[in-house]
């Protein structure tokens, strides 16, 4: 195996590990609460978005991940699911002071 192949496999393994961490954090968000992309992928919120975009697990509560300002990436579809769980809103955004998972910044 070449050094380049070994390096690529290591990078793929690390990326896969990071993906699993993001998915685990999303699964741990309880009903009625939200976390931000930065909460589920500290230092790399766009990575969390990519993982969720490419995910295909129908049981993954993707709708519980919102932008830091409480706005929604998936609009009305996401808002409907969050409201059904009792997540509080202020206008068209999630009320982050009340809905953000306790212990998050």
N, C-alpha and C. Protein backbone atom coordinates (compact mmCIF):
# COMPACT_ATOMS: atom_id res chain seq x y z
N UNK A 1 0.85 -1.17 0.00
CA UNK A 1 0.00 0.00 0.00
C UNK A 1 0.90 1.24 0.00
N UNK A 2 0.58 2.17 -0.83
CA UNK A 2 1.38 3.39 -0.92
C UNK A 2 1.04 4.32 0.25
N UNK A 3 1.93 5.25 0.51
CA UNK A 3 1.69 6.23 1.57
C UNK A 3 0.45 7.06 1.24
N UNK A 4 0.25 7.34 -0.05
CA UNK A 4 -0.92 8.12 -0.46
C UNK A 4 -2.21 7.35 -0.18
N UNK A 5 -2.23 6.07 -0.49
CA UNK A 5 -3.41 5.24 -0.22
C UNK A 5 -3.68 5.16 1.27
N UNK A 6 -2.64 4.97 2.07
CA UNK A 6 -2.79 4.89 3.52
C UNK A 6 -3.34 6.21 4.06
N UNK A 7 -2.83 7.31 3.54
CA UNK A 7 -3.29 8.62 3.98
C UNK A 7 -4.76 8.83 3.63
N UNK A 8 -5.16 8.43 2.43
CA UNK A 8 -6.54 8.57 2.00
C UNK A 8 -7.46 7.74 2.88
N UNK A 9 -7.07 6.51 3.19
CA UNK A 9 -7.88 5.65 4.05
C UNK A 9 -8.00 6.24 5.45
N UNK A 10 -6.91 6.81 5.97
CA UNK A 10 -6.95 7.43 7.28
C UNK A 10 -7.91 8.61 7.28
N UNK A 11 -7.82 9.45 6.25
CA UNK A 11 -8.71 10.60 6.14
C UNK A 11 -10.17 10.14 6.03
N UNK A 12 -10.44 9.12 5.24
CA UNK A 12 -11.80 8.61 5.11
C UNK A 12 -12.30 8.08 6.44
N UNK A 13 -11.43 7.39 7.18
CA UNK A 13 -11.80 6.87 8.49
C UNK A 13 -12.11 7.97 9.48
N UNK A 14 -11.29 9.03 9.47
CA UNK A 14 -11.54 10.16 10.36
C UNK A 14 -12.82 10.88 9.99
N UNK A 15 -13.05 11.06 8.69
CA UNK A 15 -14.28 11.71 8.24
C UNK A 15 -15.48 10.87 8.64
N UNK A 16 -15.39 9.56 8.47
CA UNK A 16 -16.49 8.67 8.84
C UNK A 16 -16.75 8.75 10.35
N UNK A 17 -15.68 8.81 11.13
CA UNK A 17 -15.81 8.92 12.57
C UNK A 17 -16.50 10.24 12.94
N UNK A 18 -16.11 11.32 12.28
CA UNK A 18 -16.75 12.62 12.53
C UNK A 18 -18.22 12.58 12.15
N UNK A 19 -18.53 11.92 11.04
CA UNK A 19 -19.93 11.79 10.63
C UNK A 19 -20.74 11.07 11.70
N UNK A 20 -20.19 9.98 12.21
CA UNK A 20 -20.89 9.21 13.24
C UNK A 20 -21.10 10.04 14.50
N UNK A 21 -20.12 10.86 14.87
CA UNK A 21 -20.27 11.74 16.03
C UNK A 21 -21.41 12.73 15.82
N UNK A 22 -21.48 13.32 14.64
CA UNK A 22 -22.56 14.25 14.33
C UNK A 22 -23.91 13.54 14.43
N UNK A 23 -24.02 12.38 13.81
CA UNK A 23 -25.28 11.63 13.83
C UNK A 23 -25.67 11.25 15.25
N UNK A 24 -24.71 10.86 16.06
CA UNK A 24 -24.99 10.51 17.45
C UNK A 24 -25.51 11.72 18.23
N UNK A 25 -24.89 12.88 17.99
CA UNK A 25 -25.35 14.09 18.69
C UNK A 25 -26.76 14.47 18.25
N UNK A 26 -27.05 14.33 16.98
CA UNK A 26 -28.40 14.66 16.49
C UNK A 26 -29.42 13.71 17.11
N UNK A 27 -29.10 12.42 17.16
CA UNK A 27 -30.01 11.44 17.75
C UNK A 27 -30.27 11.70 19.23
N UNK A 28 -29.33 12.36 19.90
CA UNK A 28 -29.46 12.58 21.34
C UNK A 28 -30.28 13.82 21.69
N UNK A 29 -30.69 14.61 20.70
CA UNK A 29 -31.51 15.80 20.97
C UNK A 29 -32.92 15.33 21.30
N UNK A 30 -33.39 15.62 22.52
CA UNK A 30 -34.73 15.15 22.89
C UNK A 30 -35.85 15.94 22.20
N UNK A 31 -36.97 15.31 22.11
CA UNK A 31 -38.16 15.96 21.55
C UNK A 31 -38.44 17.25 22.32
N UNK A 32 -38.78 18.29 21.59
CA UNK A 32 -39.10 19.57 22.20
C UNK A 32 -37.92 20.51 22.34
N UNK A 33 -36.74 20.06 21.94
CA UNK A 33 -35.53 20.87 22.02
C UNK A 33 -34.84 20.92 20.67
N UNK A 34 -33.92 21.87 20.53
CA UNK A 34 -33.10 21.97 19.33
C UNK A 34 -31.64 22.14 19.71
N UNK A 35 -30.78 21.89 18.76
CA UNK A 35 -29.36 22.21 18.84
C UNK A 35 -29.00 22.91 17.53
N UNK A 36 -27.87 23.55 17.53
CA UNK A 36 -27.43 24.23 16.31
C UNK A 36 -26.47 23.34 15.54
N UNK A 37 -26.22 23.71 14.31
CA UNK A 37 -25.24 22.98 13.50
C UNK A 37 -23.88 23.00 14.20
N UNK A 38 -23.53 24.12 14.81
CA UNK A 38 -22.28 24.23 15.53
C UNK A 38 -22.24 23.39 16.80
N UNK A 39 -23.41 23.18 17.42
CA UNK A 39 -23.47 22.32 18.61
C UNK A 39 -23.18 20.86 18.25
N UNK A 40 -23.71 20.41 17.13
CA UNK A 40 -23.53 19.01 16.77
C UNK A 40 -22.23 18.75 16.03
N UNK A 41 -21.59 19.82 15.56
CA UNK A 41 -20.28 19.70 14.91
C UNK A 41 -19.44 20.92 15.29
N UNK A 42 -18.93 20.94 16.53
CA UNK A 42 -18.18 22.12 17.00
C UNK A 42 -17.02 22.47 16.07
N UNK A 43 -16.97 23.75 15.72
CA UNK A 43 -15.91 24.23 14.86
C UNK A 43 -16.13 23.98 13.38
N UNK A 44 -17.14 23.21 13.04
CA UNK A 44 -17.39 22.90 11.62
C UNK A 44 -18.89 22.73 11.36
N UNK A 45 -19.67 23.80 11.56
CA UNK A 45 -21.12 23.66 11.38
C UNK A 45 -21.54 23.25 9.97
N UNK A 46 -20.79 23.65 8.97
CA UNK A 46 -21.14 23.27 7.60
C UNK A 46 -20.98 21.77 7.38
N UNK A 47 -20.04 21.17 8.11
CA UNK A 47 -19.86 19.72 8.04
C UNK A 47 -21.13 19.03 8.53
N UNK A 48 -21.72 19.54 9.60
CA UNK A 48 -22.98 18.97 10.11
C UNK A 48 -24.07 19.06 9.05
N UNK A 49 -24.15 20.20 8.38
CA UNK A 49 -25.14 20.35 7.33
C UNK A 49 -24.94 19.36 6.21
N UNK A 50 -23.70 19.12 5.84
CA UNK A 50 -23.40 18.16 4.79
C UNK A 50 -23.79 16.75 5.22
N UNK A 51 -23.46 16.39 6.45
CA UNK A 51 -23.82 15.06 6.96
C UNK A 51 -25.33 14.87 6.94
N UNK A 52 -26.07 15.87 7.42
CA UNK A 52 -27.52 15.76 7.46
C UNK A 52 -28.12 15.73 6.06
N UNK A 53 -27.55 16.51 5.15
CA UNK A 53 -28.05 16.54 3.78
C UNK A 53 -27.92 15.18 3.12
N UNK A 54 -26.82 14.49 3.38
CA UNK A 54 -26.56 13.21 2.73
C UNK A 54 -27.08 12.02 3.52
N UNK A 55 -27.62 12.27 4.70
CA UNK A 55 -28.12 11.17 5.52
C UNK A 55 -29.38 10.55 4.94
N UNK A 56 -29.56 9.27 5.19
CA UNK A 56 -30.75 8.59 4.68
C UNK A 56 -31.47 7.78 5.76
N UNK A 57 -31.16 8.06 7.03
CA UNK A 57 -31.80 7.36 8.14
C UNK A 57 -33.16 8.00 8.40
N UNK A 58 -34.26 7.30 8.15
CA UNK A 58 -35.58 7.90 8.34
C UNK A 58 -35.90 8.21 9.80
N UNK A 59 -35.15 7.63 10.73
CA UNK A 59 -35.40 7.86 12.15
C UNK A 59 -34.54 8.99 12.73
N UNK A 60 -33.70 9.60 11.92
CA UNK A 60 -32.83 10.68 12.38
C UNK A 60 -33.65 11.97 12.52
N UNK A 61 -33.69 12.57 13.71
CA UNK A 61 -34.50 13.79 13.91
C UNK A 61 -33.77 15.04 13.40
N UNK A 62 -33.51 15.10 12.11
CA UNK A 62 -32.78 16.19 11.47
C UNK A 62 -33.41 17.55 11.74
N UNK A 63 -34.73 17.59 11.91
CA UNK A 63 -35.45 18.85 12.07
C UNK A 63 -35.11 19.56 13.38
N UNK A 64 -34.46 18.85 14.31
CA UNK A 64 -34.08 19.45 15.60
C UNK A 64 -32.76 20.21 15.53
N UNK A 65 -32.16 20.29 14.36
CA UNK A 65 -30.92 21.04 14.18
C UNK A 65 -31.26 22.31 13.39
N UNK A 66 -30.95 23.45 14.00
CA UNK A 66 -31.30 24.74 13.41
C UNK A 66 -30.07 25.64 13.35
N UNK A 67 -30.19 26.73 12.65
CA UNK A 67 -29.09 27.71 12.61
C UNK A 67 -28.98 28.40 13.98
N UNK A 68 -27.82 28.97 14.24
CA UNK A 68 -27.56 29.60 15.55
C UNK A 68 -28.54 30.72 15.87
N UNK A 69 -29.08 31.37 14.86
CA UNK A 69 -30.03 32.46 15.11
C UNK A 69 -31.48 31.96 15.20
N UNK A 70 -31.67 30.64 15.17
CA UNK A 70 -33.00 30.07 15.28
C UNK A 70 -33.73 29.93 13.95
N UNK A 71 -33.12 30.38 12.87
CA UNK A 71 -33.78 30.23 11.57
C UNK A 71 -33.65 28.79 11.10
N UNK A 72 -34.50 28.45 10.15
CA UNK A 72 -34.63 27.06 9.72
C UNK A 72 -34.10 26.86 8.30
N UNK A 73 -33.28 25.83 8.14
CA UNK A 73 -32.73 25.52 6.81
C UNK A 73 -33.78 24.90 5.91
N UNK A 74 -34.76 24.21 6.49
CA UNK A 74 -35.77 23.50 5.69
C UNK A 74 -37.15 24.13 5.77
N UNK A 75 -37.22 25.38 6.20
CA UNK A 75 -38.45 26.16 6.13
C UNK A 75 -39.67 25.56 6.78
N UNK A 76 -40.79 25.63 6.06
CA UNK A 76 -42.09 25.24 6.61
C UNK A 76 -42.14 23.77 7.03
N UNK A 77 -41.49 22.92 6.27
CA UNK A 77 -41.48 21.49 6.61
C UNK A 77 -40.86 21.28 7.99
N UNK A 78 -39.74 21.93 8.24
CA UNK A 78 -39.06 21.81 9.52
C UNK A 78 -39.88 22.48 10.63
N UNK A 79 -40.43 23.64 10.36
CA UNK A 79 -41.23 24.35 11.35
C UNK A 79 -42.43 23.52 11.80
N UNK A 80 -43.08 22.85 10.86
CA UNK A 80 -44.22 22.01 11.20
C UNK A 80 -43.83 20.89 12.16
N UNK A 81 -42.71 20.23 11.89
CA UNK A 81 -42.25 19.15 12.75
C UNK A 81 -41.86 19.66 14.14
N UNK A 82 -41.19 20.81 14.19
CA UNK A 82 -40.79 21.37 15.48
C UNK A 82 -42.00 21.83 16.29
N UNK A 83 -42.93 22.48 15.65
CA UNK A 83 -44.14 22.93 16.36
C UNK A 83 -44.93 21.74 16.90
N UNK A 84 -44.96 20.65 16.16
CA UNK A 84 -45.66 19.45 16.61
C UNK A 84 -45.03 18.88 17.88
N UNK A 85 -43.75 19.16 18.09
CA UNK A 85 -43.05 18.71 19.29
C UNK A 85 -43.11 19.74 20.42
N UNK A 86 -43.74 20.88 20.16
CA UNK A 86 -43.85 21.90 21.18
C UNK A 86 -42.67 22.85 21.29
N UNK A 87 -41.83 22.91 20.27
CA UNK A 87 -40.70 23.83 20.28
C UNK A 87 -41.23 25.25 20.16
N UNK A 88 -40.81 26.15 21.07
CA UNK A 88 -41.31 27.53 21.02
C UNK A 88 -40.66 28.36 19.91
N UNK A 89 -41.45 29.21 19.32
CA UNK A 89 -40.99 30.11 18.26
C UNK A 89 -41.21 31.55 18.67
N UNK A 90 -40.42 32.43 18.08
CA UNK A 90 -40.63 33.89 18.16
C UNK A 90 -40.67 34.35 16.72
N UNK A 91 -41.85 34.61 16.23
CA UNK A 91 -42.00 34.91 14.81
C UNK A 91 -41.71 33.65 14.02
N UNK A 92 -40.88 33.76 13.01
CA UNK A 92 -40.56 32.62 12.17
C UNK A 92 -39.33 31.85 12.60
N UNK A 93 -38.79 32.20 13.77
CA UNK A 93 -37.56 31.54 14.24
C UNK A 93 -37.81 30.83 15.56
N UNK A 94 -37.00 29.80 15.79
CA UNK A 94 -37.06 29.09 17.06
C UNK A 94 -36.59 30.05 18.15
N UNK A 95 -37.28 30.05 19.28
CA UNK A 95 -36.86 30.84 20.44
C UNK A 95 -35.69 30.08 21.09
N UNK A 96 -34.49 30.47 20.74
CA UNK A 96 -33.30 29.74 21.17
C UNK A 96 -33.08 29.77 22.67
N UNK A 97 -33.48 30.82 23.34
CA UNK A 97 -33.31 30.89 24.79
C UNK A 97 -34.14 29.81 25.50
N UNK A 98 -35.27 29.48 24.94
CA UNK A 98 -36.15 28.49 25.56
C UNK A 98 -36.00 27.09 24.98
N UNK A 99 -35.62 27.00 23.70
CA UNK A 99 -35.65 25.71 23.02
C UNK A 99 -34.30 25.03 22.89
N UNK A 100 -33.21 25.78 23.04
CA UNK A 100 -31.90 25.16 22.87
C UNK A 100 -31.64 24.17 23.98
N UNK A 101 -31.11 23.05 23.61
CA UNK A 101 -30.83 21.98 24.54
C UNK A 101 -30.04 22.50 25.73
N UNK A 102 -30.47 22.23 26.96
CA UNK A 102 -29.74 22.71 28.15
C UNK A 102 -28.28 22.25 28.10
N UNK A 103 -27.41 23.14 28.54
CA UNK A 103 -25.98 22.83 28.54
C UNK A 103 -25.27 23.32 27.31
N UNK A 104 -26.01 23.71 26.30
CA UNK A 104 -25.38 24.25 25.09
C UNK A 104 -25.17 25.75 25.31
N UNK A 105 -24.18 26.33 24.67
CA UNK A 105 -23.89 27.76 24.87
C UNK A 105 -25.04 28.66 24.46
